[in-house]
């Protein structure tokens, strides 16, 4: 055999195509990208912009945070420490609603109070906002319209009024509740009533309840007076009851108040 001469009768094998490899790689990249996109935007949504549900430095921020929070069932940190009784019912209703959208932006209704309205679950809801510790907070939520503003957001009791009888003390208390005057209502309460009673009185006033005295029972031996009430609480007619301590130090005072039962 002579070296350097061509080898006759031999054909080199054809080169294998790599097209299938590039197609496979492309499909893998597409599948991975699609999976990341689904995870990021749908579950758990780390590509999504998180809704602000905490800002409350201004009424405008609070109202939007509240609307965002309703949509995510995260509004607990936006309520005032003492708020309307009906707001608890509202919170239960909104927990099963879907979606919320601001309808009326924050606007001033009183010296230190703003209101706003939004829609959620087919309902229109109004909220009332007042200054609180660390920013503004929601004191009331009303289905169907904006809450009526308070005459004042002051919560320090006025001086105890000069009353001579339990009936007079109870009547002054009813007048203060109807006027939505928190300091006046608290001024008639007995000094020893628990804080839960004081908070409960404010809860009723933060709403829009109104009462009238139907009947008064003076219990001379027990040194107590009972005032039987009729009224409207959150749009529903309900009875009410006030009990006074007629021989309290400093004068007759309200010892207990049942806003929706007698």
C-alpha atoms as a PDB file:
ATOM      1  CA  UNK A   1       0.000   0.000   0.000  1.00  0.00           C
ATOM      2  CA  UNK A   2       1.244   3.393  -0.940  1.00  0.00           C
ATOM      3  CA  UNK A   3       0.708   6.013   1.754  1.00  0.00           C
ATOM      4  CA  UNK A   4      -0.718   9.397   0.811  1.00  0.00           C
ATOM      5  CA  UNK A   5      -2.960   8.086  -1.938  1.00  0.00           C
ATOM      6  CA  UNK A   6      -6.808   8.210  -1.737  1.00  0.00           C
ATOM      7  CA  UNK A   7      -8.653   5.162  -0.438  1.00  0.00           C
ATOM      8  CA  UNK A   8     -11.095   4.074  -3.103  1.00  0.00           C
ATOM      9  CA  UNK A   9     -14.506   2.576  -2.239  1.00  0.00           C
ATOM     10  CA  UNK A  10     -15.062   4.484   1.126  1.00  0.00           C
ATOM     11  CA  UNK A  11     -17.838   7.086   1.691  1.00  0.00           C
ATOM     12  CA  UNK A  12     -17.804   9.126   5.014  1.00  0.00           C
ATOM     13  CA  UNK A  13     -21.074   8.873   7.081  1.00  0.00           C
ATOM     14  CA  UNK A  14     -23.504  11.814   6.846  1.00  0.00           C
ATOM     15  CA  UNK A  15     -23.442  14.363   9.723  1.00  0.00           C
ATOM     16  CA  UNK A  16     -26.368  14.094  12.157  1.00  0.00           C
ATOM     17  CA  UNK A  17     -28.716  17.089  12.204  1.00  0.00           C
ATOM     18  CA  UNK A  18     -28.955  19.037  15.496  1.00  0.00           C
ATOM     19  CA  UNK A  19     -32.274  20.657  14.606  1.00  0.00           C
ATOM     20  CA  UNK A  20     -34.184  18.362  16.984  1.00  0.00           C
ATOM     21  CA  UNK A  21     -31.961  19.475  19.853  1.00  0.00           C
ATOM     22  CA  UNK A  22     -32.682  23.164  19.283  1.00  0.00           C
ATOM     23  CA  UNK A  23     -36.405  22.449  19.004  1.00  0.00           C
ATOM     24  CA  UNK A  24     -36.334  20.560  22.305  1.00  0.00           C
ATOM     25  CA  UNK A  25     -34.401  23.328  24.052  1.00  0.00           C
ATOM     26  CA  UNK A  26     -36.830  25.932  22.721  1.00  0.00           C
ATOM     27  CA  UNK A  27     -39.827  23.979  23.997  1.00  0.00           C
ATOM     28  CA  UNK A  28     -38.224  23.598  27.436  1.00  0.00           C
ATOM     29  CA  UNK A  29     -37.523  27.340  27.655  1.00  0.00           C
ATOM     30  CA  UNK A  30     -41.103  28.153  26.625  1.00  0.00           C
ATOM     31  CA  UNK A  31     -42.558  25.756  29.203  1.00  0.00           C
ATOM     32  CA  UNK A  32     -40.353  27.141  31.970  1.00  0.00           C
ATOM     33  CA  UNK A  33     -41.189  30.742  31.066  1.00  0.00           C
ATOM     34  CA  UNK A  34     -44.896  29.925  30.988  1.00  0.00           C
ATOM     35  CA  UNK A  35     -44.715  28.233  34.374  1.00  0.00           C
ATOM     36  CA  UNK A  36     -42.889  31.173  35.928  1.00  0.00           C
ATOM     37  CA  UNK A  37     -45.389  33.608  34.448  1.00  0.00           C
ATOM     38  CA  UNK A  38     -48.338  31.614  35.804  1.00  0.00           C
ATOM     39  CA  UNK A  39     -46.747  31.354  39.237  1.00  0.00           C
ATOM     40  CA  UNK A  40     -45.785  34.993  39.308  1.00  0.00           C
ATOM     41  CA  UNK A  41     -49.097  36.447  38.235  1.00  0.00           C
ATOM     42  CA  UNK A  42     -51.606  33.902  39.471  1.00  0.00           C
ATOM     43  CA  UNK A  43     -50.265  31.797  42.292  1.00  0.00           C
ATOM     44  CA  UNK A  44     -48.861  33.171  44.546  1.00  0.00           C
ATOM     45  CA  UNK A  45     -48.490  36.324  42.484  1.00  0.00           C
ATOM     46  CA  UNK A  46     -44.994  37.616  43.248  1.00  0.00           C
ATOM     47  CA  UNK A  47     -44.964  39.584  39.946  1.00  0.00           C
ATOM     48  CA  UNK A  48     -48.171  41.377  40.879  1.00  0.00           C
ATOM     49  CA  UNK A  49     -48.146  44.815  42.457  1.00  0.00           C
ATOM     50  CA  UNK A  50     -49.258  44.380  46.053  1.00  0.00           C
ATOM     51  CA  UNK A  51     -52.320  46.424  46.999  1.00  0.00           C
ATOM     52  CA  UNK A  52     -51.698  48.972  49.749  1.00  0.00           C
ATOM     53  CA  UNK A  53     -53.850  47.993  52.721  1.00  0.00           C
ATOM     54  CA  UNK A  54     -51.973  49.797  55.503  1.00  0.00           C
ATOM     55  CA  UNK A  55     -51.411  53.477  54.632  1.00  0.00           C
ATOM     56  CA  UNK A  56     -53.526  55.895  56.681  1.00  0.00           C
ATOM     57  CA  UNK A  57     -51.505  59.081  57.044  1.00  0.00           C
ATOM     58  CA  UNK A  58     -54.251  61.011  55.216  1.00  0.00           C
ATOM     59  CA  UNK A  59     -57.991  60.400  54.666  1.00  0.00           C
ATOM     60  CA  UNK A  60     -57.277  59.801  50.980  1.00  0.00           C
ATOM     61  CA  UNK A  61     -54.720  57.103  51.763  1.00  0.00           C
ATOM     62  CA  UNK A  62     -56.969  55.515  54.368  1.00  0.00           C
ATOM     63  CA  UNK A  63     -60.000  55.342  52.098  1.00  0.00           C
ATOM     64  CA  UNK A  64     -58.011  53.613  49.344  1.00  0.00           C
ATOM     65  CA  UNK A  65     -56.319  51.274  51.824  1.00  0.00           C
ATOM     66  CA  UNK A  66     -59.730  50.378  53.220  1.00  0.00           C
ATOM     67  CA  UNK A  67     -61.156  49.610  49.784  1.00  0.00           C
ATOM     68  CA  UNK A  68     -58.107  47.498  48.936  1.00  0.00           C
ATOM     69  CA  UNK A  69     -58.389  45.773  52.296  1.00  0.00           C
ATOM     70  CA  UNK A  70     -62.055  44.909  51.765  1.00  0.00           C
ATOM     71  CA  UNK A  71     -61.120  43.175  48.531  1.00  0.00           C
ATOM     72  CA  UNK A  72     -58.515  41.113  50.389  1.00  0.00           C
ATOM     73  CA  UNK A  73     -60.382  40.804  53.716  1.00  0.00           C
ATOM     74  CA  UNK A  74     -57.626  42.795  55.444  1.00  0.00           C
ATOM     75  CA  UNK A  75     -59.109  45.863  57.146  1.00  0.00           C
ATOM     76  CA  UNK A  76     -58.672  45.021  60.819  1.00  0.00           C
ATOM     77  CA  UNK A  77     -55.787  47.442  61.371  1.00  0.00           C
ATOM     78  CA  UNK A  78     -57.694  50.352  59.820  1.00  0.00           C
ATOM     79  CA  UNK A  79     -60.576  50.549  62.312  1.00  0.00           C
ATOM     80  CA  UNK A  80     -60.590  52.988  65.223  1.00  0.00           C
ATOM     81  CA  UNK A  81     -60.154  51.380  68.669  1.00  0.00           C
ATOM     82  CA  UNK A  82     -63.791  52.293  69.409  1.00  0.00           C
ATOM     83  CA  UNK A  83     -66.075  52.183  66.383  1.00  0.00           C
ATOM     84  CA  UNK A  84     -69.754  51.874  65.567  1.00  0.00           C
ATOM     85  CA  UNK A  85     -71.599  48.747  66.538  1.00  0.00           C
ATOM     86  CA  UNK A  86     -72.910  48.279  63.003  1.00  0.00           C
ATOM     87  CA  UNK A  87     -69.369  48.200  61.600  1.00  0.00           C
ATOM     88  CA  UNK A  88     -68.940  44.712  63.057  1.00  0.00           C
ATOM     89  CA  UNK A  89     -71.927  43.459  61.070  1.00  0.00           C
ATOM     90  CA  UNK A  90     -70.554  45.212  57.988  1.00  0.00           C
ATOM     91  CA  UNK A  91     -67.215  43.443  58.403  1.00  0.00           C
ATOM     92  CA  UNK A  92     -68.935  40.046  58.403  1.00  0.00           C
ATOM     93  CA  UNK A  93     -70.898  40.978  55.273  1.00  0.00           C
ATOM     94  CA  UNK A  94     -67.839  42.184  53.385  1.00  0.00           C
ATOM     95  CA  UNK A  95     -65.866  39.047  54.286  1.00  0.00           C
ATOM     96  CA  UNK A  96     -67.903  37.084  51.729  1.00  0.00           C
ATOM     97  CA  UNK A  97     -68.025  39.797  49.051  1.00  0.00           C
ATOM     98  CA  UNK A  98     -65.903  39.855  45.928  1.00  0.00           C
ATOM     99  CA  UNK A  99     -64.124  42.965  44.735  1.00  0.00           C
ATOM    100  CA  UNK A 100     -64.348  46.551  45.923  1.00  0.00           C
ATOM    101  CA  UNK A 101     -63.940  49.835  44.084  1.00  0.00           C
ATOM    102  CA  UNK A 102     -63.759  53.410  45.352  1.00  0.00           C
ATOM    103  CA  UNK A 103     -66.817  55.346  44.258  1.00  0.00           C
ATOM    104  CA  UNK A 104     -66.511  58.713  46.037  1.00  0.00           C
ATOM    105  CA  UNK A 105     -63.078  59.904  47.114  1.00  0.00           C
ATOM    106  CA  UNK A 106     -62.385  61.220  50.607  1.00  0.00           C
ATOM    107  CA  UNK A 107     -64.046  64.558  51.323  1.00  0.00           C
ATOM    108  CA  UNK A 108     -64.483  66.600  54.484  1.00  0.00           C
ATOM    109  CA  UNK A 109     -67.842  66.446  56.279  1.00  0.00           C
ATOM    110  CA  UNK A 110     -66.985  68.050  59.641  1.00  0.00           C
ATOM    111  CA  UNK A 111     -64.106  69.833  61.355  1.00  0.00           C
ATOM    112  CA  UNK A 112     -62.161  66.607  61.975  1.00  0.00           C
ATOM    113  CA  UNK A 113     -64.034  64.060  59.911  1.00  0.00           C
ATOM    114  CA  UNK A 114     -63.901  62.823  56.338  1.00  0.00           C
ATOM    115  CA  UNK A 115     -66.139  60.442  54.415  1.00  0.00           C
ATOM    116  CA  UNK A 116     -65.778  58.276  51.328  1.00  0.00           C
ATOM    117  CA  UNK A 117     -67.878  55.665  49.533  1.00  0.00           C
ATOM    118  CA  UNK A 118     -67.149  52.500  47.612  1.00  0.00           C
ATOM    119  CA  UNK A 119     -68.970  49.595  46.014  1.00  0.00           C
ATOM    120  CA  UNK A 120     -68.498  45.952  46.985  1.00  0.00           C
ATOM    121  CA  UNK A 121     -70.603  42.874  46.404  1.00  0.00           C
ATOM    122  CA  UNK A 122     -73.297  44.933  44.685  1.00  0.00           C
ATOM    123  CA  UNK A 123     -73.599  47.253  47.703  1.00  0.00           C
ATOM    124  CA  UNK A 124     -72.689  50.905  48.181  1.00  0.00           C
ATOM    125  CA  UNK A 125     -70.868  51.474  51.453  1.00  0.00           C
ATOM    126  CA  UNK A 126     -69.941  54.756  53.107  1.00  0.00           C
ATOM    127  CA  UNK A 127     -67.190  55.122  55.686  1.00  0.00           C
ATOM    128  CA  UNK A 128     -66.454  57.883  58.199  1.00  0.00           C
ATOM    129  CA  UNK A 129     -62.824  58.627  59.068  1.00  0.00           C
ATOM    130  CA  UNK A 130     -61.362  60.544  62.012  1.00  0.00           C
ATOM    131  CA  UNK A 131     -57.823  61.177  63.307  1.00  0.00           C
ATOM    132  CA  UNK A 132     -56.449  58.425  65.513  1.00  0.00           C
ATOM    133  CA  UNK A 133     -53.200  57.244  66.974  1.00  0.00           C
ATOM    134  CA  UNK A 134     -50.692  56.710  64.158  1.00  0.00           C
ATOM    135  CA  UNK A 135     -52.891  58.279  61.487  1.00  0.00           C
ATOM    136  CA  UNK A 136     -56.538  58.304  60.436  1.00  0.00           C
ATOM    137  CA  UNK A 137     -58.928  55.451  61.246  1.00  0.00           C
ATOM    138  CA  UNK A 138     -62.437  54.326  60.238  1.00  0.00           C
ATOM    139  CA  UNK A 139     -65.024  54.885  62.993  1.00  0.00           C
ATOM    140  CA  UNK A 140     -68.156  53.841  61.083  1.00  0.00           C
ATOM    141  CA  UNK A 141     -69.262  51.938  57.976  1.00  0.00           C
ATOM    142  CA  UNK A 142     -72.794  52.285  56.640  1.00  0.00           C
ATOM    143  CA  UNK A 143     -74.400  50.265  53.874  1.00  0.00           C
ATOM    144  CA  UNK A 144     -76.432  52.433  51.515  1.00  0.00           C
ATOM    145  CA  UNK A 145     -74.811  55.817  52.088  1.00  0.00           C
ATOM    146  CA  UNK A 146     -72.288  57.882  53.987  1.00  0.00           C
ATOM    147  CA  UNK A 147     -72.542  57.997  57.807  1.00  0.00           C
ATOM    148  CA  UNK A 148     -73.688  61.225  59.403  1.00  0.00           C
ATOM    149  CA  UNK A 149     -70.704  63.102  60.864  1.00  0.00           C
ATOM    150  CA  UNK A 150     -70.312  63.498  64.612  1.00  0.00           C
ATOM    151  CA  UNK A 151     -70.752  66.972  66.132  1.00  0.00           C
ATOM    152  CA  UNK A 152     -67.363  66.419  67.787  1.00  0.00           C
ATOM    153  CA  UNK A 153     -64.846  63.600  68.095  1.00  0.00           C
ATOM    154  CA  UNK A 154     -63.993  64.607  71.679  1.00  0.00           C
ATOM    155  CA  UNK A 155     -64.178  61.645  74.066  1.00  0.00           C
ATOM    156  CA  UNK A 156     -63.365  63.280  77.410  1.00  0.00           C
ATOM    157  CA  UNK A 157     -66.485  63.340  79.615  1.00  0.00           C
ATOM    158  CA  UNK A 158     -68.065  66.670  80.383  1.00  0.00           C
ATOM    159  CA  UNK A 159     -68.526  67.585  84.088  1.00  0.00           C
ATOM    160  CA  UNK A 160     -71.264  65.563  85.764  1.00  0.00           C
ATOM    161  CA  UNK A 161     -74.537  67.505  85.370  1.00  0.00           C
ATOM    162  CA  UNK A 162     -76.527  68.731  88.331  1.00  0.00           C
ATOM    163  CA  UNK A 163     -79.347  66.187  88.408  1.00  0.00           C
ATOM    164  CA  UNK A 164     -81.644  65.435  91.342  1.00  0.00           C
ATOM    165  CA  UNK A 165     -83.316  62.165  90.336  1.00  0.00           C
ATOM    166  CA  UNK A 166     -82.515  59.003  88.458  1.00  0.00           C
ATOM    167  CA  UNK A 167     -85.195  59.848  85.917  1.00  0.00           C
ATOM    168  CA  UNK A 168     -83.510  63.160  85.210  1.00  0.00           C
ATOM    169  CA  UNK A 169     -80.104  61.488  84.830  1.00  0.00           C
ATOM    170  CA  UNK A 170     -81.538  58.875  82.476  1.00  0.00           C
ATOM    171  CA  UNK A 171     -83.318  61.483  80.379  1.00  0.00           C
ATOM    172  CA  UNK A 172     -80.142  63.558  80.023  1.00  0.00           C
ATOM    173  CA  UNK A 173     -78.327  60.414  78.916  1.00  0.00           C
ATOM    174  CA  UNK A 174     -80.951  59.668  76.249  1.00  0.00           C
ATOM    175  CA  UNK A 175     -80.773  63.266  75.013  1.00  0.00           C
ATOM    176  CA  UNK A 176     -76.982  63.024  74.721  1.00  0.00           C
ATOM    177  CA  UNK A 177     -77.179  59.749  72.764  1.00  0.00           C
ATOM    178  CA  UNK A 178     -79.751  61.237  70.375  1.00  0.00           C
ATOM    179  CA  UNK A 179     -77.581  64.324  69.920  1.00  0.00           C
ATOM    180  CA  UNK A 180     -74.596  62.010  69.359  1.00  0.00           C
ATOM    181  CA  UNK A 181     -72.721  63.960  72.011  1.00  0.00           C
ATOM    182  CA  UNK A 182     -70.097  61.590  73.441  1.00  0.00           C
ATOM    183  CA  UNK A 183     -68.786  63.872  76.246  1.00  0.00           C
ATOM    184  CA  UNK A 184     -72.339  64.605  77.462  1.00  0.00           C
ATOM    185  CA  UNK A 185     -73.344  60.930  77.438  1.00  0.00           C
ATOM    186  CA  UNK A 186     -70.215  59.836  79.306  1.00  0.00           C
ATOM    187  CA  UNK A 187     -70.697  62.582  81.896  1.00  0.00           C
ATOM    188  CA  UNK A 188     -73.911  60.951  83.160  1.00  0.00           C
ATOM    189  CA  UNK A 189     -72.394  57.485  83.570  1.00  0.00           C
ATOM    190  CA  UNK A 190     -71.551  56.317  87.077  1.00  0.00           C
ATOM    191  CA  UNK A 191     -67.863  56.432  87.930  1.00  0.00           C
ATOM    192  CA  UNK A 192     -67.721  52.701  88.641  1.00  0.00           C
ATOM    193  CA  UNK A 193     -69.178  51.429  85.346  1.00  0.00           C
ATOM    194  CA  UNK A 194     -66.721  49.169  83.456  1.00  0.00           C
ATOM    195  CA  UNK A 195     -64.796  50.388  80.439  1.00  0.00           C
ATOM    196  CA  UNK A 196     -66.822  48.017  78.254  1.00  0.00           C
ATOM    197  CA  UNK A 197     -69.927  50.053  79.114  1.00  0.00           C
ATOM    198  CA  UNK A 198     -68.202  53.324  78.244  1.00  0.00           C
ATOM    199  CA  UNK A 199     -67.002  51.864  74.951  1.00  0.00           C
ATOM    200  CA  UNK A 200     -70.466  50.449  74.253  1.00  0.00           C
ATOM    201  CA  UNK A 201     -72.059  53.871  74.685  1.00  0.00           C
ATOM    202  CA  UNK A 202     -69.592  55.338  72.186  1.00  0.00           C
ATOM    203  CA  UNK A 203     -70.264  52.507  69.744  1.00  0.00           C
ATOM    204  CA  UNK A 204     -73.956  53.387  69.717  1.00  0.00           C
ATOM    205  CA  UNK A 205     -73.208  57.091  69.258  1.00  0.00           C
ATOM    206  CA  UNK A 206     -70.815  56.387  66.374  1.00  0.00           C
ATOM    207  CA  UNK A 207     -73.846  54.909  64.623  1.00  0.00           C
ATOM    208  CA  UNK A 208     -77.127  56.778  64.216  1.00  0.00           C
ATOM    209  CA  UNK A 209     -79.388  55.433  66.967  1.00  0.00           C
ATOM    210  CA  UNK A 210     -82.296  57.399  68.437  1.00  0.00           C
ATOM    211  CA  UNK A 211     -84.367  56.584  71.540  1.00  0.00           C
ATOM    212  CA  UNK A 212     -87.423  57.828  73.400  1.00  0.00           C
ATOM    213  CA  UNK A 213     -88.421  57.106  77.001  1.00  0.00           C
ATOM    214  CA  UNK A 214     -91.662  55.096  77.072  1.00  0.00           C
ATOM    215  CA  UNK A 215     -91.950  54.319  80.754  1.00  0.00           C
ATOM    216  CA  UNK A 216     -90.123  55.020  84.012  1.00  0.00           C
ATOM    217  CA  UNK A 217     -90.104  52.828  87.128  1.00  0.00           C
ATOM    218  CA  UNK A 218     -88.793  54.465  90.292  1.00  0.00           C
ATOM    219  CA  UNK A 219     -87.679  51.835  92.814  1.00  0.00           C
ATOM    220  CA  UNK A 220     -87.511  53.900  95.997  1.00  0.00           C
ATOM    221  CA  UNK A 221     -86.404  51.086  98.292  1.00  0.00           C
ATOM    222  CA  UNK A 222     -83.646  49.951  95.921  1.00  0.00           C
ATOM    223  CA  UNK A 223     -82.695  53.589  95.239  1.00  0.00           C
ATOM    224  CA  UNK A 224     -82.813  52.837  91.568  1.00  0.00           C
ATOM    225  CA  UNK A 225     -84.718  54.037  88.505  1.00  0.00           C
ATOM    226  CA  UNK A 226     -85.410  52.024  85.366  1.00  0.00           C
ATOM    227  CA  UNK A 227     -86.189  53.783  82.092  1.00  0.00           C
ATOM    228  CA  UNK A 228     -87.771  51.655  79.354  1.00  0.00           C
ATOM    229  CA  UNK A 229     -86.934  52.885  75.878  1.00  0.00           C
ATOM    230  CA  UNK A 230     -88.050  52.434  72.307  1.00  0.00           C
ATOM    231  CA  UNK A 231     -85.742  53.391  69.513  1.00  0.00           C
ATOM    232  CA  UNK A 232     -84.209  52.795  66.142  1.00  0.00           C
ATOM    233  CA  UNK A 233     -80.760  51.267  65.994  1.00  0.00           C
ATOM    234  CA  UNK A 234     -79.155  50.787  62.567  1.00  0.00           C
ATOM    235  CA  UNK A 235     -82.536  51.229  60.903  1.00  0.00           C
ATOM    236  CA  UNK A 236     -84.229  48.584  63.066  1.00  0.00           C
ATOM    237  CA  UNK A 237     -86.826  49.321  65.748  1.00  0.00           C
ATOM    238  CA  UNK A 238     -85.607  47.918  69.051  1.00  0.00           C
ATOM    239  CA  UNK A 239     -86.342  48.378  72.756  1.00  0.00           C
ATOM    240  CA  UNK A 240     -83.777  49.704  75.204  1.00  0.00           C
ATOM    241  CA  UNK A 241     -83.261  49.943  78.943  1.00  0.00           C
ATOM    242  CA  UNK A 242     -81.434  52.277  81.324  1.00  0.00           C
ATOM    243  CA  UNK A 243     -80.821  51.613  85.007  1.00  0.00           C
ATOM    244  CA  UNK A 244     -79.664  54.385  87.303  1.00  0.00           C
ATOM    245  CA  UNK A 245     -78.042  54.531  90.716  1.00  0.00           C
ATOM    246  CA  UNK A 246     -79.987  57.216  92.531  1.00  0.00           C
ATOM    247  CA  UNK A 247     -77.863  57.537  95.679  1.00  0.00           C
ATOM    248  CA  UNK A 248     -74.444  57.601  93.986  1.00  0.00           C
ATOM    249  CA  UNK A 249     -71.782  59.921  95.307  1.00  0.00           C
ATOM    250  CA  UNK A 250     -71.931  63.088  93.252  1.00  0.00           C
ATOM    251  CA  UNK A 251     -75.570  62.599  92.299  1.00  0.00           C
ATOM    252  CA  UNK A 252     -77.766  60.145  90.380  1.00  0.00           C
ATOM    253  CA  UNK A 253     -76.034  58.479  87.451  1.00  0.00           C
ATOM    254  CA  UNK A 254     -76.541  55.854  84.743  1.00  0.00           C
ATOM    255  CA  UNK A 255     -75.303  52.445  85.947  1.00  0.00           C
ATOM    256  CA  UNK A 256     -76.188  50.402  82.846  1.00  0.00           C
ATOM    257  CA  UNK A 257     -77.488  50.835  79.325  1.00  0.00           C
ATOM    258  CA  UNK A 258     -78.917  48.082  77.127  1.00  0.00           C
ATOM    259  CA  UNK A 259     -79.256  49.609  73.634  1.00  0.00           C
ATOM    260  CA  UNK A 260     -81.258  46.816  71.978  1.00  0.00           C
ATOM    261  CA  UNK A 261     -83.096  44.884  74.704  1.00  0.00           C
ATOM    262  CA  UNK A 262     -85.351  45.572  77.684  1.00  0.00           C
END
